[in-house]
Amino acid sequence: MSADKFNIFSFSGKMKILHLSWMVFFVTFMVWFNMAPLKQVIMNDMGLSIEEWKTLLILNVALTIPARVIIGALTDKYGPRLVYSSLLAICAIPCFMFAFASDFIQLAIARFALGFIGAGFVIGIRMVSEWFPPKELGTAEGVYGGWGNFGSAAAAFTLPTLAVLFGGDDGWRYAVALTGVLCLIFSVIYYTNVRDTPKGSTYFKPKNLGGMEVTSKGDFYFLLVMKTPMYLALALLNWKLSPSGVDMLSANVCTMIYLALFGIYCFDAYSNFKVNRSLFTKPVPTEHQYQFKQVAVLNILYFATFGSELAVVSMLPAFFAETFELSMATAGLLAGMYAFMNLMSRPGGGIISDKFGRKKTLLILTAGLAGGYFTLSFIDANWPIWLAVLAVMACSFFVQSGEGAVFAVVPLIKRRLTGQIAGMTGAYGNVGAVTYLTVYSFVDASTFFLVISGTAAFGFITLLLMKEPSGAITEVNEDGTVELIQVG
């Protein structure tokens, strides 16, 4: 850990790492959400139906589910510096593909591939946890997540205007392509300006790359249960693309995908068994154990918080435009207020968590977001626009503060597995997004908000089972010596 003071205006030591990390995260989110603010002009230029547009929204978040798990494991193994820089450079390619696509199929393939860039978030979680002590970790992770998350709001604020400035039918294409250029630039900046740990610190790596380590037989079976919704979400997407949905894929292709998902799940389960097979013959010493239920509760909370944010950010510009009969540019600016709250809310959630306790903070914020979405379900054309925006911002505060509080806990469970835990928790956010957006494709906005409110209430109940992080994490150095990492 770096011992210098937490000074948000500093750009040296650990603060330099924090600022560069939220900047690259900002770029990933700007790229990931460069489509929603340009909905009308893209639909008109490409001749898309509303069903095709909703399909693109779902595709945009689908691949991020396995990507976050994969990227989390790669981060633990190879370090955040290399993995983040590589992800930015590689994902510039589908960004350019989307910008210059000539039909819906090309748009869909590019958008599906771009879902991988949403995995960038989990890389920075491990990076920040290496540089900041527990008493500052919630604040640092909150700043990283909140300021980086603002990339979606920046896309809503700037891309419609840039498209107009570029002008012509291809204005939106140049605006989207510009975000791909930013990917390439920041890939180089990050790689040349950060390192994985402070000088003299050890970067603890997992024993195996093939699966997540757990520390009891019960937790192994619990892990397999918690992996199931990730595959079900991908199956849900497959159904959406089948003849029963938007008819993008044939019945035979969909059947093959279902079988492939089942096969991959079985392989995933076996890979996790290989990593954890020693559990069935020899118990893990108490000092090296962690409770997987901690991870499971955080997964469910992130399903409700970040999952709803992704879904709402995707639908809110159109919701404002249609409800209040606004232009897309104006609706995009107003809807951007939801994501704008990330600048304050997510760091706020981390700060409160650092000062007043992880579990207590999460209980209060989860109750608030359940009430917030319940309120949004009543918005209609009879509401004054200012009141609707105020309600959205208030709800957003609880949602994003809750995200900050969730990731104030993630690095305190097991240090060498931080990337994998962050990856699984982050993936659940995308499972939530796919689930909510699929629900939205069948119901009106009011019911959509009520569904989110109900899942948040369920998250509150599961949170009662979580244990407040305390004591120390036991890790073993390469030379066999034991190191204790304080978590509270």
Protein backbone atom coordinates (compact mmCIF):
# COMPACT_ATOMS: atom_id res chain seq x y z
CA MET A 1 0.00 0.00 0.00
CA SER A 2 1.14 3.55 -0.68
CA ALA A 3 1.40 5.54 2.55
CA ASP A 4 0.98 9.08 1.19
CA LYS A 5 -2.20 10.96 2.12
CA PHE A 6 -5.41 10.78 0.11
CA ASN A 7 -5.43 14.07 -1.81
CA ILE A 8 -7.85 14.16 -4.72
CA PHE A 9 -5.96 17.10 -6.27
CA SER A 10 -2.65 15.24 -6.33
CA PHE A 11 -1.35 13.48 -9.45
CA SER A 12 1.53 11.51 -7.97
CA GLY A 13 1.98 8.18 -6.21
CA LYS A 14 -1.22 6.30 -5.52
CA MET A 15 -3.34 9.28 -6.64
CA LYS A 16 -1.79 9.13 -10.11
CA ILE A 17 -2.79 5.46 -10.32
CA LEU A 18 -6.33 6.33 -9.21
CA HIS A 19 -6.74 9.20 -11.67
CA LEU A 20 -5.37 7.28 -14.65
CA SER A 21 -7.53 4.27 -13.74
CA TRP A 22 -10.79 6.23 -13.63
CA MET A 23 -9.82 7.96 -16.88
CA VAL A 24 -9.43 4.69 -18.79
CA PHE A 25 -12.62 3.38 -17.18
CA PHE A 26 -14.33 6.62 -18.33
CA VAL A 27 -13.24 5.88 -21.91
CA THR A 28 -14.53 2.29 -21.76
CA PHE A 29 -17.96 3.48 -20.63
CA MET A 30 -18.07 6.23 -23.23
CA VAL A 31 -17.43 3.60 -25.90
CA TRP A 32 -19.82 1.08 -24.36
CA PHE A 33 -22.70 3.58 -24.34
CA ASN A 34 -21.93 5.53 -27.51
CA MET A 35 -25.06 4.12 -29.17
CA ALA A 36 -28.02 5.06 -26.91
CA PRO A 37 -27.78 8.89 -27.29
CA LEU A 38 -27.80 8.51 -31.08
CA LYS A 39 -30.85 6.25 -31.22
CA GLN A 40 -33.03 8.26 -33.59
CA VAL A 41 -30.38 9.17 -36.13
CA ILE A 42 -28.97 5.60 -36.22
CA MET A 43 -32.45 4.08 -36.62
CA ASN A 44 -33.31 6.51 -39.41
CA ASP A 45 -29.99 6.14 -41.24
CA MET A 46 -29.92 2.33 -40.99
CA GLY A 47 -33.68 1.77 -41.36
CA LEU A 48 -33.96 -0.16 -38.10
CA SER A 49 -37.20 -1.31 -36.50
CA ILE A 50 -37.80 -0.75 -32.79
CA GLU A 51 -37.36 -4.50 -32.20
CA GLU A 52 -33.97 -4.42 -33.93
CA TRP A 53 -32.98 -1.45 -31.78
CA LYS A 54 -33.98 -3.23 -28.57
CA THR A 55 -31.99 -6.25 -29.76
CA LEU A 56 -28.89 -4.05 -30.09
CA LEU A 57 -29.43 -2.79 -26.53
CA ILE A 58 -29.45 -6.36 -25.21
CA LEU A 59 -26.48 -7.41 -27.33
CA ASN A 60 -24.56 -4.44 -25.96
CA VAL A 61 -24.52 -5.90 -22.44
CA ALA A 62 -24.63 -9.66 -23.16
CA LEU A 63 -20.97 -10.54 -23.77
CA THR A 64 -19.92 -8.54 -20.72
CA ILE A 65 -21.30 -11.35 -18.53
CA PRO A 66 -18.60 -13.94 -19.42
CA ALA A 67 -16.11 -11.17 -20.25
CA ARG A 68 -16.04 -9.83 -16.69
CA VAL A 69 -15.37 -13.29 -15.29
CA ILE A 70 -12.61 -13.95 -17.84
CA ILE A 71 -11.03 -10.50 -17.50
CA GLY A 72 -11.15 -10.74 -13.70
CA ALA A 73 -9.21 -14.01 -13.79
CA LEU A 74 -6.69 -12.63 -16.31
CA THR A 75 -6.20 -9.54 -14.14
CA ASP A 76 -5.39 -11.65 -11.08
CA LYS A 77 -2.92 -13.68 -13.15
CA TYR A 78 -1.19 -11.09 -15.34
CA GLY A 79 -1.80 -7.78 -13.58
CA PRO A 80 -4.12 -4.83 -14.32
CA ARG A 81 -1.59 -2.73 -16.26
CA LEU A 82 -1.20 -5.20 -19.12
CA VAL A 83 -4.81 -6.41 -19.16
CA TYR A 84 -6.42 -2.92 -19.13
CA SER A 85 -4.14 -1.58 -21.88
CA SER A 86 -4.74 -4.63 -24.06
CA LEU A 87 -8.51 -4.47 -23.59
CA LEU A 88 -8.65 -0.83 -24.71
CA ALA A 89 -6.57 -1.47 -27.83
CA ILE A 90 -8.49 -4.59 -28.88
CA CYS A 91 -11.96 -3.09 -28.30
CA ALA A 92 -11.21 -0.13 -30.55
CA ILE A 93 -11.68 -2.57 -33.46
CA PRO A 94 -15.41 -3.39 -32.93
CA CYS A 95 -16.00 0.28 -32.12
CA PHE A 96 -14.79 1.22 -35.61
CA MET A 97 -16.79 -1.71 -37.05
CA PHE A 98 -19.98 -0.34 -35.50
CA ALA A 99 -19.26 3.19 -36.68
CA PHE A 100 -18.97 2.12 -40.31
CA ALA A 101 -21.44 -0.80 -40.44
CA SER A 102 -23.69 -0.99 -43.50
CA ASP A 103 -26.56 -3.20 -42.24
CA PHE A 104 -28.20 -4.51 -39.07
CA ILE A 105 -26.19 -7.77 -38.98
CA GLN A 106 -22.91 -5.83 -38.96
CA LEU A 107 -24.26 -3.51 -36.27
CA ALA A 108 -25.32 -6.51 -34.17
CA ILE A 109 -21.98 -8.33 -34.46
CA ALA A 110 -20.00 -5.18 -33.62
CA ARG A 111 -22.29 -4.35 -30.70
CA PHE A 112 -22.03 -7.88 -29.34
CA ALA A 113 -18.23 -7.73 -29.50
CA LEU A 114 -18.22 -4.29 -27.85
CA GLY A 115 -19.82 -5.82 -24.79
CA PHE A 116 -16.31 -7.00 -23.92
CA ILE A 117 -15.21 -3.44 -23.15
CA GLY A 118 -17.66 -3.37 -20.24
CA ALA A 119 -15.30 -5.77 -18.46
CA GLY A 120 -12.75 -3.00 -18.01
CA PHE A 121 -14.31 -1.97 -14.71
CA VAL A 122 -13.16 -5.05 -12.79
CA ILE A 123 -9.51 -4.47 -13.77
CA GLY A 124 -9.39 -1.13 -12.00
CA ILE A 125 -10.96 -2.60 -8.86
CA ARG A 126 -7.89 -4.84 -8.41
CA MET A 127 -5.50 -2.02 -9.35
CA VAL A 128 -6.97 0.42 -6.81
CA SER A 129 -7.08 -2.23 -4.06
CA GLU A 130 -3.31 -2.71 -4.46
CA TRP A 131 -2.56 0.97 -3.83
CA PHE A 132 -4.95 2.07 -1.05
CA PRO A 133 -5.30 0.95 2.61
CA PRO A 134 -8.64 -0.37 3.95
CA LYS A 135 -9.57 2.93 5.63
CA GLU A 136 -9.42 4.67 2.23
CA LEU A 137 -10.44 1.78 -0.01
CA GLY A 138 -14.18 2.53 -0.21
CA THR A 139 -13.47 6.16 -1.05
CA ALA A 140 -10.86 5.28 -3.68
CA GLU A 141 -12.99 2.57 -5.30
CA GLY A 142 -15.94 4.98 -5.24
CA VAL A 143 -13.98 7.69 -7.03
CA TYR A 144 -12.72 5.14 -9.56
CA GLY A 145 -16.18 3.73 -10.21
CA GLY A 146 -18.12 6.98 -10.02
CA TRP A 147 -15.90 9.19 -12.11
CA GLY A 148 -15.28 6.43 -14.63
CA ASN A 149 -18.98 5.62 -14.84
CA PHE A 150 -19.57 9.22 -15.86
CA GLY A 151 -18.36 8.16 -19.30
CA SER A 152 -21.93 7.08 -20.10
CA ALA A 153 -23.23 10.55 -19.18
CA ALA A 154 -20.44 12.17 -21.21
CA ALA A 155 -21.58 10.12 -24.21
CA ALA A 156 -25.17 11.33 -23.71
CA PHE A 157 -24.05 14.95 -23.34
CA THR A 158 -21.55 15.15 -26.19
CA LEU A 159 -22.16 12.59 -28.94
CA PRO A 160 -25.45 14.02 -30.30
CA THR A 161 -23.80 17.46 -30.51
CA LEU A 162 -20.67 16.02 -32.14
CA ALA A 163 -22.83 14.20 -34.69
CA VAL A 164 -24.48 17.51 -35.59
CA LEU A 165 -21.11 19.29 -35.78
CA PHE A 166 -19.69 16.63 -38.10
CA GLY A 167 -22.87 17.04 -40.13
CA GLY A 168 -24.50 15.00 -42.86
CA ASP A 169 -25.89 11.47 -42.76
CA ASP A 170 -22.53 10.14 -41.52
CA GLY A 171 -22.16 12.55 -38.59
CA TRP A 172 -23.09 9.85 -36.07
CA ARG A 173 -20.49 7.52 -37.56
CA TYR A 174 -17.64 9.98 -37.01
CA ALA A 175 -18.84 10.69 -33.46
CA VAL A 176 -18.78 6.96 -32.62
CA ALA A 177 -15.41 6.47 -34.35
CA LEU A 178 -13.92 9.27 -32.25
CA THR A 179 -14.55 7.21 -29.10
CA GLY A 180 -12.57 4.37 -30.69
CA VAL A 181 -9.65 6.74 -31.25
CA LEU A 182 -9.76 7.61 -27.53
CA CYS A 183 -9.46 3.87 -26.77
CA LEU A 184 -6.21 3.62 -28.68
CA ILE A 185 -4.75 6.78 -27.15
CA PHE A 186 -5.50 5.80 -23.55
CA SER A 187 -4.26 2.26 -24.11
CA VAL A 188 -0.79 3.69 -24.66
CA ILE A 189 -1.08 6.27 -21.86
CA TYR A 190 -2.07 3.67 -19.27
CA TYR A 191 0.56 1.12 -20.22
CA THR A 192 3.38 3.65 -20.05
CA ASN A 193 2.36 5.43 -16.83
CA VAL A 194 1.23 2.87 -14.22
CA ARG A 195 2.54 -0.20 -12.41
CA ASP A 196 0.58 -2.97 -10.67
CA THR A 197 1.75 -2.36 -7.10
CA PRO A 198 3.68 0.21 -5.06
CA LYS A 199 7.41 -0.43 -4.93
CA GLY A 200 8.20 -3.26 -2.53
CA SER A 201 4.66 -4.67 -2.43
CA THR A 202 3.77 -8.24 -3.43
CA TYR A 203 1.19 -8.89 -6.15
CA PHE A 204 -0.61 -12.01 -4.90
CA LYS A 205 -1.80 -14.32 -7.68
CA PRO A 206 -4.32 -17.19 -7.58
CA LYS A 207 -2.94 -20.72 -7.55
CA ASN A 208 -4.85 -21.61 -10.74
CA LEU A 209 -6.38 -19.68 -13.64
CA GLY A 210 -9.10 -22.21 -14.49
CA GLY A 211 -11.67 -21.42 -11.79
CA MET A 212 -12.42 -19.58 -8.57
CA GLU A 213 -10.98 -20.95 -5.37
CA VAL A 214 -13.41 -21.57 -2.51
CA THR A 215 -12.58 -22.90 0.94
CA SER A 216 -15.28 -25.44 1.83
CA LYS A 217 -17.30 -28.17 0.11
CA GLY A 218 -20.53 -26.30 0.77
CA ASP A 219 -19.12 -23.18 -0.83
CA PHE A 220 -18.09 -25.20 -3.91
CA TYR A 221 -21.70 -26.25 -4.52
CA PHE A 222 -22.86 -22.72 -3.71
CA LEU A 223 -20.43 -21.39 -6.35
CA LEU A 224 -21.98 -23.66 -9.00
CA VAL A 225 -25.47 -22.44 -8.05
CA MET A 226 -24.38 -18.79 -8.31
CA LYS A 227 -22.83 -19.39 -11.73
CA THR A 228 -26.13 -20.67 -13.13
CA PRO A 229 -27.87 -17.26 -13.59
CA MET A 230 -25.01 -16.08 -15.79
CA TYR A 231 -25.67 -18.89 -18.24
CA LEU A 232 -29.43 -18.44 -17.97
CA ALA A 233 -29.02 -14.78 -18.91
CA LEU A 234 -27.13 -15.80 -22.06
CA ALA A 235 -29.85 -18.37 -22.80
CA LEU A 236 -32.41 -15.59 -22.38
CA LEU A 237 -30.55 -13.51 -24.94
CA ASN A 238 -30.48 -16.48 -27.30
CA TRP A 239 -34.25 -16.87 -26.93
CA LYS A 240 -34.67 -13.15 -27.65
CA LEU A 241 -32.81 -13.61 -30.95
CA SER A 242 -34.72 -16.79 -31.87
CA PRO A 243 -37.82 -17.04 -34.12
CA SER A 244 -39.88 -16.59 -30.93
CA GLY A 245 -38.21 -13.21 -30.43
CA VAL A 246 -36.85 -10.91 -33.12
CA ASP A 247 -36.13 -13.82 -35.52
CA MET A 248 -32.47 -12.89 -36.04
CA LEU A 249 -31.27 -16.50 -35.61
CA SER A 250 -32.83 -19.68 -36.99
CA ALA A 251 -34.31 -22.32 -34.69
CA ASN A 252 -31.46 -24.73 -35.49
CA VAL A 253 -28.78 -22.15 -34.68
CA CYS A 254 -30.54 -21.30 -31.40
CA THR A 255 -30.71 -24.98 -30.45
CA MET A 256 -26.96 -25.30 -31.10
CA ILE A 257 -26.32 -22.26 -28.90
CA TYR A 258 -28.42 -23.71 -26.07
CA LEU A 259 -26.43 -26.96 -26.27
CA ALA A 260 -23.15 -25.02 -26.39
CA LEU A 261 -24.12 -23.02 -23.29
CA PHE A 262 -24.94 -26.23 -21.43
CA GLY A 263 -21.63 -27.75 -22.52
CA ILE A 264 -19.68 -24.66 -21.45
CA TYR A 265 -21.44 -24.69 -18.07
CA CYS A 266 -20.43 -28.32 -17.55
CA PHE A 267 -16.84 -27.52 -18.55
CA ASP A 268 -16.85 -24.50 -16.23
CA ALA A 269 -18.12 -26.66 -13.36
CA TYR A 270 -15.40 -29.25 -14.01
CA SER A 271 -12.72 -26.54 -14.19
CA ASN A 272 -13.83 -25.22 -10.83
CA PHE A 273 -13.80 -28.76 -9.43
CA LYS A 274 -10.19 -29.25 -10.59
CA VAL A 275 -9.16 -26.05 -8.82
CA ASN A 276 -10.99 -27.07 -5.63
CA ARG A 277 -10.70 -30.89 -5.66
CA SER A 278 -8.46 -30.87 -2.57
CA LEU A 279 -11.46 -29.66 -0.53
CA PHE A 280 -12.97 -33.14 -0.77
CA THR A 281 -9.94 -34.82 0.83
CA LYS A 282 -8.42 -32.17 3.10
CA PRO A 283 -10.11 -29.18 4.78
CA VAL A 284 -8.65 -25.70 4.29
CA PRO A 285 -7.00 -24.32 7.46
CA THR A 286 -9.28 -21.83 9.21
CA GLU A 287 -6.90 -18.89 8.74
CA HIS A 288 -7.03 -19.31 4.95
CA GLN A 289 -10.81 -19.64 4.66
CA TYR A 290 -13.30 -17.06 3.40
CA GLN A 291 -17.10 -17.26 3.22
CA PHE A 292 -18.46 -17.45 -0.32
CA LYS A 293 -21.83 -16.19 0.92
CA GLN A 294 -20.15 -12.77 1.12
CA VAL A 295 -19.58 -12.92 -2.64
CA ALA A 296 -23.11 -14.21 -3.30
CA VAL A 297 -24.76 -11.35 -1.41
CA LEU A 298 -22.64 -8.78 -3.27
CA ASN A 299 -23.60 -10.46 -6.58
CA ILE A 300 -27.30 -10.04 -5.82
CA LEU A 301 -26.88 -6.41 -4.73
CA TYR A 302 -24.94 -5.56 -7.88
CA PHE A 303 -27.63 -7.27 -9.96
CA ALA A 304 -30.08 -4.71 -8.56
CA THR A 305 -27.78 -1.66 -8.54
CA PHE A 306 -25.51 -1.75 -11.58
CA GLY A 307 -27.89 -4.00 -13.52
CA SER A 308 -30.62 -1.41 -13.18
CA GLU A 309 -28.22 1.41 -14.02
CA LEU A 310 -27.19 -0.22 -17.29
CA ALA A 311 -30.79 -0.88 -18.23
CA VAL A 312 -32.05 2.58 -17.24
CA VAL A 313 -29.17 4.41 -18.97
CA SER A 314 -30.08 2.49 -22.14
CA MET A 315 -33.80 3.31 -22.06
CA LEU A 316 -34.01 6.67 -20.28
CA PRO A 317 -33.26 9.03 -23.22
CA ALA A 318 -36.06 7.46 -25.27
CA PHE A 319 -38.34 7.37 -22.20
CA PHE A 320 -37.95 11.12 -21.65
CA ALA A 321 -38.34 11.86 -25.36
CA GLU A 322 -41.55 9.83 -25.69
CA THR A 323 -43.12 10.76 -22.34
CA PHE A 324 -42.55 14.53 -22.58
CA GLU A 325 -42.34 14.87 -26.40
CA LEU A 326 -38.76 16.18 -26.38
CA SER A 327 -36.04 16.16 -29.04
CA MET A 328 -33.47 13.39 -28.67
CA ALA A 329 -30.73 15.92 -27.88
CA THR A 330 -32.77 17.47 -25.05
CA ALA A 331 -33.92 14.08 -23.79
CA GLY A 332 -30.32 12.85 -23.84
CA LEU A 333 -29.18 15.80 -21.73
CA LEU A 334 -31.95 15.28 -19.17
CA ALA A 335 -31.46 11.51 -19.03
CA GLY A 336 -27.75 12.12 -18.57
CA MET A 337 -28.60 13.48 -15.13
CA TYR A 338 -29.06 9.87 -14.00
CA ALA A 339 -25.47 8.98 -14.87
CA PHE A 340 -24.22 12.46 -13.87
CA MET A 341 -24.91 11.52 -10.25
CA ASN A 342 -22.03 9.04 -10.48
CA LEU A 343 -19.59 11.90 -9.95
CA MET A 344 -20.81 12.33 -6.36
CA SER A 345 -22.93 9.30 -5.49
CA ARG A 346 -20.55 6.42 -6.02
CA PRO A 347 -17.63 8.08 -4.16
CA GLY A 348 -20.20 9.08 -1.51
CA GLY A 349 -21.22 5.46 -1.04
CA GLY A 350 -17.56 4.50 -0.59
CA ILE A 351 -16.87 7.32 1.88
CA ILE A 352 -19.94 6.49 3.99
CA SER A 353 -18.96 2.82 3.93
CA ASP A 354 -15.41 3.63 5.12
CA LYS A 355 -16.70 5.75 8.00
CA PHE A 356 -19.84 4.00 9.22
CA GLY A 357 -19.48 0.34 8.30
CA ARG A 358 -19.98 -1.72 5.14
CA LYS A 359 -23.15 -3.63 6.02
CA LYS A 360 -25.05 -0.76 7.65
CA THR A 361 -24.36 1.48 4.65
CA LEU A 362 -25.56 -1.17 2.19
CA LEU A 363 -28.78 -1.75 4.13
CA ILE A 364 -29.71 1.94 4.05
CA LEU A 365 -28.79 2.45 0.38
CA THR A 366 -30.55 -0.73 -0.81
CA ALA A 367 -33.76 0.33 0.94
CA GLY A 368 -33.43 3.76 -0.69
CA LEU A 369 -33.04 2.42 -4.22
CA ALA A 370 -36.07 0.13 -3.79
CA GLY A 371 -38.11 3.19 -2.81
CA GLY A 372 -36.58 5.28 -5.57
CA TYR A 373 -37.58 2.93 -8.39
CA PHE A 374 -41.02 2.55 -6.85
CA THR A 375 -41.39 6.34 -7.18
CA LEU A 376 -40.19 6.36 -10.81
CA SER A 377 -42.96 3.91 -11.71
CA PHE A 378 -45.47 6.77 -11.29
CA ILE A 379 -43.85 9.20 -13.76
CA ASP A 380 -46.09 10.12 -16.70
CA ALA A 381 -46.78 13.08 -19.00
CA ASN A 382 -48.69 14.86 -16.24
CA TRP A 383 -45.54 15.29 -14.18
CA PRO A 384 -43.56 18.55 -14.50
CA ILE A 385 -40.31 17.72 -16.28
CA TRP A 386 -38.24 19.23 -13.45
CA LEU A 387 -39.90 16.92 -10.92
CA ALA A 388 -39.30 13.85 -13.09
CA VAL A 389 -35.61 14.76 -13.44
CA LEU A 390 -35.36 15.36 -9.68
CA ALA A 391 -36.94 11.94 -8.96
CA VAL A 392 -34.52 10.27 -11.38
CA MET A 393 -31.52 11.98 -9.75
CA ALA A 394 -32.68 11.03 -6.25
CA CYS A 395 -33.11 7.39 -7.29
CA SER A 396 -29.73 7.50 -9.02
CA PHE A 397 -28.08 8.63 -5.78
CA PHE A 398 -29.12 5.44 -3.99
CA VAL A 399 -28.33 3.21 -6.96
CA GLN A 400 -24.82 4.51 -7.50
CA SER A 401 -23.97 4.99 -3.84
CA GLY A 402 -24.99 1.35 -3.45
CA GLU A 403 -22.56 0.38 -6.22
CA GLY A 404 -19.78 2.24 -4.44
CA ALA A 405 -20.63 0.51 -1.17
CA VAL A 406 -20.66 -2.94 -2.85
CA PHE A 407 -17.16 -2.46 -4.21
CA ALA A 408 -15.97 -1.08 -0.89
CA VAL A 409 -16.46 -4.69 0.30
CA VAL A 410 -15.23 -6.71 -2.73
CA PRO A 411 -11.46 -6.19 -2.17
CA LEU A 412 -11.81 -7.10 1.53
CA ILE A 413 -12.83 -10.75 0.97
CA LYS A 414 -9.70 -12.46 -0.42
CA ARG A 415 -6.86 -10.36 -1.88
CA ARG A 416 -5.45 -12.79 -4.44
CA LEU A 417 -8.97 -13.44 -5.78
CA THR A 418 -10.03 -9.78 -5.96
CA GLY A 419 -10.16 -9.75 -9.75
CA GLN A 420 -12.23 -12.93 -9.93
CA ILE A 421 -14.61 -11.79 -7.18
CA ALA A 422 -14.96 -8.39 -8.85
CA GLY A 423 -15.48 -10.14 -12.17
CA MET A 424 -18.27 -12.36 -10.86
CA THR A 425 -19.95 -9.50 -9.00
CA GLY A 426 -19.60 -7.27 -12.04
CA ALA A 427 -21.00 -10.02 -14.27
CA TYR A 428 -24.09 -10.16 -12.08
CA GLY A 429 -24.58 -6.47 -12.87
CA ASN A 430 -24.81 -7.45 -16.52
CA VAL A 431 -27.07 -10.40 -15.75
CA GLY A 432 -29.34 -7.80 -14.15
CA ALA A 433 -29.11 -5.56 -17.20
CA VAL A 434 -30.02 -8.38 -19.64
CA THR A 435 -32.87 -9.43 -17.37
CA TYR A 436 -34.25 -5.91 -16.93
CA LEU A 437 -33.91 -4.98 -20.61
CA THR A 438 -35.68 -8.20 -21.60
CA VAL A 439 -38.47 -7.36 -19.16
CA TYR A 440 -38.60 -3.85 -20.66
CA SER A 441 -39.10 -5.31 -24.15
CA PHE A 442 -42.41 -6.81 -22.95
CA VAL A 443 -43.80 -4.25 -20.50
CA ASP A 444 -44.31 -0.51 -20.14
CA ALA A 445 -41.86 1.74 -18.29
CA SER A 446 -43.96 1.82 -15.10
CA THR A 447 -43.92 -1.97 -14.73
CA PHE A 448 -40.22 -2.01 -15.63
CA PHE A 449 -39.41 0.30 -12.69
CA LEU A 450 -41.60 -1.76 -10.34
CA VAL A 451 -39.73 -4.96 -11.26
CA ILE A 452 -36.41 -3.31 -10.38
CA SER A 453 -37.87 -2.10 -7.08
CA GLY A 454 -38.94 -5.66 -6.22
CA THR A 455 -35.51 -7.16 -6.91
CA ALA A 456 -33.91 -4.44 -4.76
CA ALA A 457 -36.21 -5.44 -1.90
CA PHE A 458 -35.04 -9.05 -2.33
CA GLY A 459 -31.44 -7.82 -2.22
CA PHE A 460 -32.16 -6.12 1.10
CA ILE A 461 -33.32 -9.43 2.57
CA THR A 462 -30.20 -11.32 1.41
CA LEU A 463 -28.01 -8.53 2.79
CA LEU A 464 -29.08 -9.47 6.29
CA LEU A 465 -26.98 -12.64 5.84
CA MET A 466 -23.76 -10.75 5.05
CA LYS A 467 -21.03 -10.49 7.68
CA GLU A 468 -19.25 -7.16 8.29
CA PRO A 469 -15.60 -7.52 7.06
CA SER A 470 -13.15 -7.47 9.98
CA GLY A 471 -9.76 -8.79 11.06
CA ALA A 472 -7.19 -9.72 8.42
CA ILE A 473 -6.85 -11.67 5.17
CA THR A 474 -4.12 -14.33 5.27
CA GLU A 475 -2.02 -14.60 2.10
CA VAL A 476 1.14 -16.62 1.41
CA ASN A 477 4.18 -15.10 -0.33
CA GLU A 478 6.09 -17.00 -3.02
CA ASP A 479 8.83 -17.78 -0.48
CA GLY A 480 6.26 -19.44 1.81
CA THR A 481 6.06 -16.68 4.40
CA VAL A 482 2.61 -15.61 5.60
CA GLU A 483 1.38 -12.03 5.26
CA LEU A 484 -1.66 -10.59 7.05
CA ILE A 485 -3.63 -7.90 5.19
CA GLN A 486 -5.86 -5.88 7.50
CA VAL A 487 -9.43 -5.35 6.29
CA GLY A 488 -10.97 -3.46 9.18
